[in-house]
Amino acid sequence: MKKSTSILALAGALMLAACAPFTPYKPAMPDTVSSLRFIGEQRLPWRLQYKDTMVGGLSGIDYDAASGEWVMISDDRSQHNPARFYSARLQYDGDSFKPVELSGVALFLQPDGSTYPSKEDYKRAGGVVSDLETIRVDPQDGSIWYGSEGDVSLGLDPFVRHATRDGRYLSTLPLPPMFTVSTDHSSGPRNNQSFEGMSFSPDGRTLWVSLEGPMYQDGPAPDPVNGAVNRITHFARDGKVLGQYAYPLDPIPAAPGKGKYADNGISEILAIGATRLLVLERAGVQGEDGKYTDYVRIYEIEADGASDIQKLPTLKGASYKLMKKRLVLDVGTLNLPIVDNLEGMSFGPVLANGHASLVLISDDNFGKNQVTQLLLFEIIP
């Protein structure tokens, strides 16, 4: 009787395993995030040369649990080298973070097999100029998904594209008309404030995509007094919009110097549940001396209970419920020597105590006064 029961149990387990989704490329995701414990920091040298490319502008990062490698996307608009992403190995534990080891680089290819052109060459070369800000490893097969902000001044729409692991084009995610840019700024995404964050849902079947800032028709950009409203969209893999939600963006944390620049926006997102995500909010404020100070906060947000706004052409004067947000960490409280332009965020391997890890990466804009830094955290559930 005991033997028969064991056989039946084993058969049942095998059937369940066969029916369950197998996602070896996905890191362990925490069910809850109470707080973050800082473990350590690593940096890459300014304008590091690697396999005939200049490393910099790293705006997105993701972890491939199957290979143990990380991917990091550059937002170089093919000015220094063609649009590309790097592979790397990060070695760390709950107490230490070892130097980053680059392990590969791949050029992204357009549908015709050519590399993406620069802003100066695209009319002659054909295709579109890319401004790549986010990258994810497909949890189903290890392929690559990446997002571009487009270029309003050139009339180029943002996009989300799917590629092989070596950068060859596979497909483009169909987008609703609302994401079409307008050169007169009457509607659509703001220039350089479009697709900045992207995350697969925990089951790997859907995609969340966030705008960096508010659309032109939804109201003004944030300032030191007033926040703004961003749209975060939930897509099926075929481009169907499953829902769209309004995210309350903070005011800019400090006033810029006279005549200087300041902004605040969503730099990256990470899904941690069917309706919950982590959001990386990053503000850059230019002082009187022209130097920037970056303010970076991580929030947990909730779509459940928020209004689905996908059918609202404008949020001005509309009635809707915002997503709820809770501060998880203000990176400024870590008292680091520098908090740079942190734009990428990814879960990593599970630590020895069973807790998930989290890595942030900064975009140095290829500037000598900035750094490419990677910050490592333990997620406290």
Protein backbone atom coordinates (compact mmCIF):
# COMPACT_ATOMS: atom_id res chain seq x y z
CA MET A 1 0.00 0.00 0.00
CA LYS A 2 2.80 2.41 0.91
CA LYS A 3 4.66 1.55 -2.32
CA SER A 4 1.55 2.16 -4.46
CA THR A 5 0.92 5.48 -2.73
CA SER A 6 4.52 6.53 -3.43
CA ILE A 7 4.19 5.59 -7.10
CA LEU A 8 0.94 7.52 -7.42
CA ALA A 9 2.48 10.51 -5.65
CA LEU A 10 5.51 10.43 -7.93
CA ALA A 11 3.30 10.19 -11.03
CA GLY A 12 1.23 13.12 -9.82
CA ALA A 13 4.34 15.18 -9.15
CA LEU A 14 5.66 14.48 -12.63
CA MET A 15 2.35 15.52 -14.18
CA LEU A 16 2.35 18.76 -12.22
CA ALA A 17 5.96 19.42 -13.20
CA ALA A 18 5.07 18.86 -16.85
CA CYS A 19 2.22 21.37 -16.63
CA ALA A 20 4.12 24.01 -14.64
CA PRO A 21 6.01 26.72 -16.57
CA PHE A 22 9.76 26.07 -16.63
CA THR A 23 11.69 29.32 -16.43
CA PRO A 24 15.38 28.57 -15.82
CA TYR A 25 16.48 32.05 -16.96
CA LYS A 26 14.57 33.89 -14.24
CA PRO A 27 16.22 34.82 -10.92
CA ALA A 28 14.37 34.18 -7.69
CA MET A 29 11.94 37.05 -7.10
CA PRO A 30 10.95 38.06 -3.59
CA ASP A 31 7.27 37.86 -2.68
CA THR A 32 7.59 40.89 -0.47
CA VAL A 33 10.09 43.71 0.05
CA SER A 34 10.26 45.24 3.50
CA SER A 35 13.60 47.03 3.19
CA LEU A 36 17.02 46.84 1.53
CA ARG A 37 20.39 46.24 3.21
CA PHE A 38 23.36 47.73 1.38
CA ILE A 39 26.22 45.26 0.84
CA GLY A 40 28.73 46.98 -1.41
CA GLU A 41 29.68 48.93 -4.52
CA GLN A 42 31.79 48.32 -7.61
CA ARG A 43 32.72 50.68 -10.44
CA LEU A 44 33.91 50.37 -14.01
CA PRO A 45 36.69 52.67 -15.27
CA TRP A 46 35.68 55.71 -17.30
CA ARG A 47 35.54 54.95 -21.02
CA LEU A 48 36.83 51.42 -20.50
CA GLN A 49 37.76 49.81 -23.84
CA TYR A 50 36.39 46.30 -24.34
CA LYS A 51 36.53 44.34 -27.60
CA ASP A 52 36.85 47.50 -29.71
CA THR A 53 33.98 49.26 -27.97
CA MET A 54 33.78 52.02 -25.37
CA VAL A 55 31.95 50.91 -22.23
CA GLY A 56 29.58 53.52 -20.84
CA GLY A 57 26.02 54.79 -20.76
CA LEU A 58 24.87 51.63 -19.02
CA SER A 59 21.16 52.28 -18.55
CA GLY A 60 19.75 48.82 -17.89
CA ILE A 61 20.81 45.53 -16.32
CA ASP A 62 19.32 42.04 -15.95
CA TYR A 63 20.38 38.65 -14.63
CA ASP A 64 20.24 35.33 -16.49
CA ALA A 65 19.91 32.62 -13.85
CA ALA A 66 20.62 29.83 -16.36
CA SER A 67 24.08 31.06 -17.35
CA GLY A 68 24.91 33.07 -14.24
CA GLU A 69 25.67 36.04 -16.48
CA TRP A 70 24.31 39.56 -16.40
CA VAL A 71 23.41 41.72 -19.41
CA MET A 72 23.91 45.49 -19.42
CA ILE A 73 22.60 47.79 -22.16
CA SER A 74 24.32 50.96 -23.35
CA ASP A 75 22.31 54.02 -24.37
CA ASP A 76 25.02 55.08 -26.81
CA ARG A 77 23.05 56.31 -29.84
CA SER A 78 25.71 54.77 -32.08
CA GLN A 79 27.92 57.82 -31.50
CA HIS A 80 30.93 55.94 -30.12
CA ASN A 81 30.05 52.46 -31.35
CA PRO A 82 26.88 50.85 -32.74
CA ALA A 83 24.01 50.22 -30.28
CA ARG A 84 24.96 47.25 -28.09
CA PHE A 85 24.78 45.36 -24.83
CA TYR A 86 27.42 43.72 -22.67
CA SER A 87 27.57 40.47 -20.76
CA ALA A 88 29.28 40.34 -17.38
CA ARG A 89 29.86 38.22 -14.32
CA LEU A 90 29.19 39.66 -10.89
CA GLN A 91 30.59 37.74 -7.94
CA TYR A 92 29.18 38.56 -4.54
CA ASP A 93 27.71 37.23 -1.32
CA GLY A 94 25.97 38.70 1.69
CA ASP A 95 29.14 40.43 2.87
CA SER A 96 31.23 41.34 -0.17
CA PHE A 97 31.09 42.45 -3.80
CA LYS A 98 34.04 41.56 -6.06
CA PRO A 99 35.14 43.52 -9.16
CA VAL A 100 32.95 43.23 -12.26
CA GLU A 101 34.24 40.99 -15.08
CA LEU A 102 32.98 41.74 -18.59
CA SER A 103 32.46 38.55 -20.61
CA GLY A 104 31.06 39.67 -23.97
CA VAL A 105 29.50 42.35 -26.15
CA ALA A 106 26.81 42.05 -28.84
CA LEU A 107 25.59 44.62 -31.35
CA PHE A 108 21.84 45.04 -31.78
CA LEU A 109 20.69 44.60 -35.38
CA GLN A 110 17.75 46.21 -37.14
CA PRO A 111 15.18 44.14 -39.08
CA ASP A 112 17.31 44.38 -42.24
CA GLY A 113 20.36 43.00 -40.43
CA SER A 114 22.24 46.29 -40.20
CA THR A 115 23.41 47.96 -37.01
CA TYR A 116 21.50 50.98 -35.70
CA PRO A 117 22.74 54.26 -37.25
CA SER A 118 23.77 57.41 -35.44
CA LYS A 119 21.59 60.52 -35.39
CA GLU A 120 23.78 62.04 -38.10
CA ASP A 121 23.68 59.00 -40.39
CA TYR A 122 20.21 57.53 -40.07
CA LYS A 123 18.62 59.32 -43.04
CA ARG A 124 21.38 58.05 -45.29
CA ALA A 125 21.75 54.60 -43.71
CA GLY A 126 18.05 53.90 -43.17
CA GLY A 127 16.25 52.51 -40.17
CA VAL A 128 15.88 54.36 -36.87
CA VAL A 129 18.08 55.95 -34.25
CA SER A 130 17.94 53.98 -31.02
CA ASP A 131 18.07 55.40 -27.50
CA LEU A 132 18.21 52.16 -25.55
CA GLU A 133 17.31 52.43 -21.87
CA THR A 134 16.13 49.05 -20.59
CA ILE A 135 16.92 45.36 -21.16
CA ARG A 136 15.43 42.07 -19.96
CA VAL A 137 16.31 38.41 -20.42
CA ASP A 138 13.25 36.48 -21.60
CA PRO A 139 12.42 34.03 -18.77
CA GLN A 140 11.10 31.52 -21.31
CA ASP A 141 14.10 31.09 -23.57
CA GLY A 142 16.92 33.46 -22.56
CA SER A 143 16.49 35.79 -25.55
CA ILE A 144 16.68 39.57 -25.15
CA TRP A 145 13.99 42.26 -24.97
CA TYR A 146 14.99 45.92 -25.05
CA GLY A 147 13.35 49.33 -25.12
CA SER A 148 14.14 52.61 -26.89
CA GLU A 149 12.92 56.11 -26.06
CA GLY A 150 12.77 57.17 -29.70
CA ASP A 151 13.40 60.80 -30.62
CA VAL A 152 10.61 63.39 -30.76
CA SER A 153 12.70 65.93 -32.69
CA LEU A 154 13.27 63.34 -35.45
CA GLY A 155 9.71 62.02 -35.33
CA LEU A 156 10.93 58.58 -34.19
CA ASP A 157 8.58 56.59 -31.96
CA PRO A 158 9.70 54.62 -28.92
CA PHE A 159 9.79 50.84 -29.29
CA VAL A 160 10.17 47.54 -27.49
CA ARG A 161 12.00 44.91 -29.53
CA HIS A 162 12.86 41.24 -29.16
CA ALA A 163 16.27 39.89 -30.19
CA THR A 164 18.36 36.74 -30.07
CA ARG A 165 21.13 36.48 -27.53
CA ASP A 166 23.62 37.75 -30.11
CA GLY A 167 21.50 40.81 -30.93
CA ARG A 168 19.73 39.67 -34.10
CA TYR A 169 16.23 41.14 -34.58
CA LEU A 170 13.24 38.90 -33.91
CA SER A 171 10.20 41.16 -33.59
CA THR A 172 8.75 44.47 -32.40
CA LEU A 173 6.03 44.71 -29.77
CA PRO A 174 2.91 46.29 -31.35
CA LEU A 175 2.02 49.53 -29.56
CA PRO A 176 -1.24 51.51 -29.34
CA PRO A 177 -1.38 54.87 -31.20
CA MET A 178 -1.04 56.87 -27.97
CA PHE A 179 2.73 56.17 -27.98
CA THR A 180 3.20 57.86 -31.36
CA VAL A 181 5.34 60.97 -30.94
CA SER A 182 4.25 64.44 -32.08
CA THR A 183 6.90 66.94 -33.13
CA ASP A 184 4.57 69.78 -32.10
CA HIS A 185 4.43 68.36 -28.55
CA SER A 186 0.64 68.16 -28.60
CA SER A 187 0.53 64.51 -27.52
CA GLY A 188 2.57 61.39 -27.03
CA PRO A 189 5.71 60.79 -24.99
CA ARG A 190 8.00 63.68 -24.09
CA ASN A 191 11.39 63.77 -25.75
CA ASN A 192 13.93 61.71 -23.79
CA GLN A 193 11.24 60.73 -21.27
CA SER A 194 9.66 57.76 -22.97
CA PHE A 195 10.24 54.00 -22.48
CA GLU A 196 12.70 53.85 -19.62
CA GLY A 197 11.57 50.87 -17.54
CA MET A 198 10.49 47.33 -18.41
CA SER A 199 9.89 44.11 -16.51
CA PHE A 200 8.47 40.68 -17.13
CA SER A 201 5.73 39.59 -14.75
CA PRO A 202 6.80 36.86 -12.28
CA ASP A 203 5.18 34.17 -14.45
CA GLY A 204 7.04 35.46 -17.52
CA ARG A 205 3.90 35.72 -19.62
CA THR A 206 3.42 39.49 -19.70
CA LEU A 207 5.43 42.71 -19.79
CA TRP A 208 5.22 45.93 -17.79
CA VAL A 209 6.58 49.07 -19.52
CA SER A 210 6.92 52.50 -17.92
CA LEU A 211 7.38 55.99 -19.30
CA GLU A 212 10.06 58.09 -17.66
CA GLY A 213 7.88 61.18 -17.50
CA PRO A 214 4.30 62.32 -18.22
CA MET A 215 2.96 62.41 -21.77
CA TYR A 216 2.46 65.86 -23.26
CA GLN A 217 -1.34 65.58 -23.12
CA ASP A 218 -1.32 64.46 -19.48
CA GLY A 219 0.12 67.63 -17.97
CA PRO A 220 3.43 69.36 -17.27
CA ALA A 221 6.64 67.67 -16.18
CA PRO A 222 7.42 67.72 -12.44
CA ASP A 223 9.09 70.73 -10.84
CA PRO A 224 10.40 71.38 -7.29
CA VAL A 225 6.86 72.15 -6.12
CA ASN A 226 4.62 69.82 -8.10
CA GLY A 227 4.84 66.18 -9.06
CA ALA A 228 3.41 64.65 -12.23
CA VAL A 229 1.62 61.55 -13.47
CA ASN A 230 3.29 58.79 -15.51
CA ARG A 231 1.61 55.96 -17.37
CA ILE A 232 2.73 52.39 -16.64
CA THR A 233 1.35 49.87 -19.13
CA HIS A 234 0.83 46.12 -18.77
CA PHE A 235 1.22 44.28 -22.10
CA ALA A 236 0.61 40.74 -23.28
CA ARG A 237 3.43 39.34 -25.39
CA ASP A 238 1.42 40.04 -28.55
CA GLY A 239 1.07 43.74 -27.68
CA LYS A 240 -2.46 43.63 -26.29
CA VAL A 241 -2.83 46.18 -23.49
CA LEU A 242 -3.94 44.34 -20.36
CA GLY A 243 -4.09 47.50 -18.28
CA GLN A 244 -2.59 50.96 -17.86
CA TYR A 245 -2.16 52.80 -14.59
CA ALA A 246 -1.28 56.27 -13.35
CA TYR A 247 1.85 56.53 -11.23
CA PRO A 248 2.25 59.60 -8.96
CA LEU A 249 5.72 60.96 -9.70
CA ASP A 250 7.39 62.97 -6.93
CA PRO A 251 8.26 66.66 -7.28
CA ILE A 252 11.93 67.33 -8.06
CA PRO A 253 13.66 67.03 -4.65
CA ALA A 254 15.67 70.29 -4.92
CA ALA A 255 15.67 73.52 -6.88
CA PRO A 256 18.27 73.90 -9.67
CA GLY A 257 20.62 76.85 -9.99
CA LYS A 258 19.38 79.89 -11.88
CA GLY A 259 18.91 78.97 -15.52
CA LYS A 260 20.02 75.38 -14.85
CA TYR A 261 18.29 72.06 -15.54
CA ALA A 262 16.48 69.60 -13.31
CA ASP A 263 14.19 66.62 -13.85
CA ASN A 264 12.67 63.61 -12.14
CA GLY A 265 11.35 60.40 -13.62
CA ILE A 266 11.04 56.62 -13.53
CA SER A 267 14.32 54.99 -14.51
CA GLU A 268 13.39 51.32 -14.09
CA ILE A 269 10.72 48.93 -12.81
CA LEU A 270 10.71 45.36 -11.48
CA ALA A 271 7.60 43.23 -11.02
CA ILE A 272 7.38 41.38 -7.69
CA GLY A 273 3.81 40.14 -7.97
CA ALA A 274 0.82 40.07 -10.29
CA THR A 275 0.06 43.73 -9.52
CA ARG A 276 3.05 44.93 -7.47
CA LEU A 277 6.32 46.42 -8.73
CA LEU A 278 9.44 48.13 -7.52
CA VAL A 279 10.07 51.54 -9.11
CA LEU A 280 13.42 53.31 -9.38
CA GLU A 281 12.78 57.07 -9.32
CA ARG A 282 15.79 59.19 -10.25
CA ALA A 283 16.09 62.98 -10.21
CA GLY A 284 19.00 65.03 -11.53
CA VAL A 285 19.43 68.62 -10.32
CA GLN A 286 22.01 70.98 -11.81
CA GLY A 287 23.55 73.43 -9.35
CA GLU A 288 24.86 76.95 -9.90
CA ASP A 289 28.27 75.47 -10.78
CA GLY A 290 26.72 73.33 -13.53
CA LYS A 291 27.34 70.05 -11.69
CA TYR A 292 24.52 67.57 -11.15
CA THR A 293 23.31 66.00 -7.93
CA ASP A 294 21.31 62.79 -8.31
CA TYR A 295 18.48 61.83 -5.96
CA VAL A 296 17.45 58.18 -6.16
CA ARG A 297 14.56 56.46 -4.40
CA ILE A 298 13.07 52.97 -4.66
CA TYR A 299 9.33 52.57 -4.16
CA GLU A 300 7.01 49.59 -3.98
CA ILE A 301 3.83 50.28 -5.95
CA GLU A 302 0.47 48.54 -6.31
CA ALA A 303 -1.79 48.48 -9.37
CA ASP A 304 -4.64 46.67 -7.63
CA GLY A 305 -7.27 49.26 -6.78
CA ALA A 306 -5.89 51.82 -9.28
CA SER A 307 -7.94 52.88 -12.31
CA ASP A 308 -7.28 51.38 -15.72
CA ILE A 309 -6.59 54.56 -17.73
CA GLN A 310 -5.81 53.05 -21.14
CA LYS A 311 -8.95 54.58 -22.69
CA LEU A 312 -8.37 58.07 -21.26
CA PRO A 313 -6.86 60.22 -24.06
CA THR A 314 -5.74 62.76 -21.48
CA LEU A 315 -5.43 62.75 -17.70
CA LYS A 316 -6.06 66.48 -17.44
CA GLY A 317 -9.37 66.96 -15.67
CA ALA A 318 -10.07 63.21 -15.68
CA SER A 319 -11.25 61.24 -12.65
CA TYR A 320 -9.12 58.20 -11.76
CA LYS A 321 -7.36 56.48 -8.87
CA LEU A 322 -3.57 56.55 -8.71
CA MET A 323 -1.33 53.59 -7.99
CA LYS A 324 -0.32 53.38 -4.34
CA LYS A 325 3.38 53.79 -3.54
CA ARG A 326 5.54 53.13 -0.48
CA LEU A 327 9.13 54.25 -0.01
CA VAL A 328 11.51 51.30 0.35
CA LEU A 329 14.84 53.16 0.22
CA ASP A 330 16.22 56.63 -0.29
CA VAL A 331 19.70 55.87 -1.65
CA GLY A 332 20.91 59.23 -0.33
CA THR A 333 20.62 57.92 3.23
CA LEU A 334 23.44 55.43 2.58
CA ASN A 335 25.97 58.29 2.71
CA LEU A 336 27.95 56.95 -0.24
CA PRO A 337 30.83 59.04 -1.65
CA ILE A 338 28.69 59.57 -4.73
CA VAL A 339 25.20 58.63 -5.88
CA ASP A 340 25.35 58.78 -9.65
CA ASN A 341 22.73 58.56 -12.38
CA LEU A 342 21.29 55.17 -11.34
CA GLU A 343 19.04 53.90 -14.13
CA GLY A 344 19.13 50.07 -14.12
CA MET A 345 17.77 47.59 -11.58
CA SER A 346 17.64 43.79 -11.45
CA PHE A 347 17.18 40.91 -9.07
CA GLY A 348 20.17 38.58 -8.80
CA PRO A 349 21.12 35.23 -7.25
CA VAL A 350 19.71 34.18 -3.91
CA LEU A 351 22.08 34.85 -1.02
CA ALA A 352 23.18 32.15 1.43
CA ASN A 353 20.47 33.15 3.92
CA GLY A 354 17.76 32.59 1.29
CA HIS A 355 17.09 36.27 0.66
CA ALA A 356 17.02 37.71 -2.85
CA SER A 357 19.65 40.19 -4.03
CA LEU A 358 19.19 43.43 -5.96
CA VAL A 359 21.68 45.31 -8.16
CA LEU A 360 21.49 48.91 -9.40
CA ILE A 361 23.65 50.35 -12.19
CA SER A 362 24.35 53.95 -13.22
CA ASP A 363 24.54 55.60 -16.63
CA ASP A 364 27.65 57.80 -16.70
CA ASN A 365 26.61 59.50 -19.96
CA PHE A 366 30.23 58.89 -21.05
CA GLY A 367 31.09 61.94 -18.92
CA LYS A 368 34.42 62.30 -17.11
CA ASN A 369 32.68 63.81 -14.07
CA GLN A 370 30.39 60.79 -13.65
CA VAL A 371 30.95 57.13 -12.79
CA THR A 372 29.57 53.75 -13.75
CA GLN A 373 28.67 52.33 -10.35
CA LEU A 374 26.95 49.11 -9.37
CA LEU A 375 25.27 48.94 -5.96
CA LEU A 376 24.43 45.61 -4.32
CA PHE A 377 21.63 45.04 -1.81
CA GLU A 378 20.06 42.25 0.18
CA ILE A 379 16.27 42.28 0.03
CA ILE A 380 14.74 41.98 3.49
CA PRO A 381 11.32 40.29 3.09
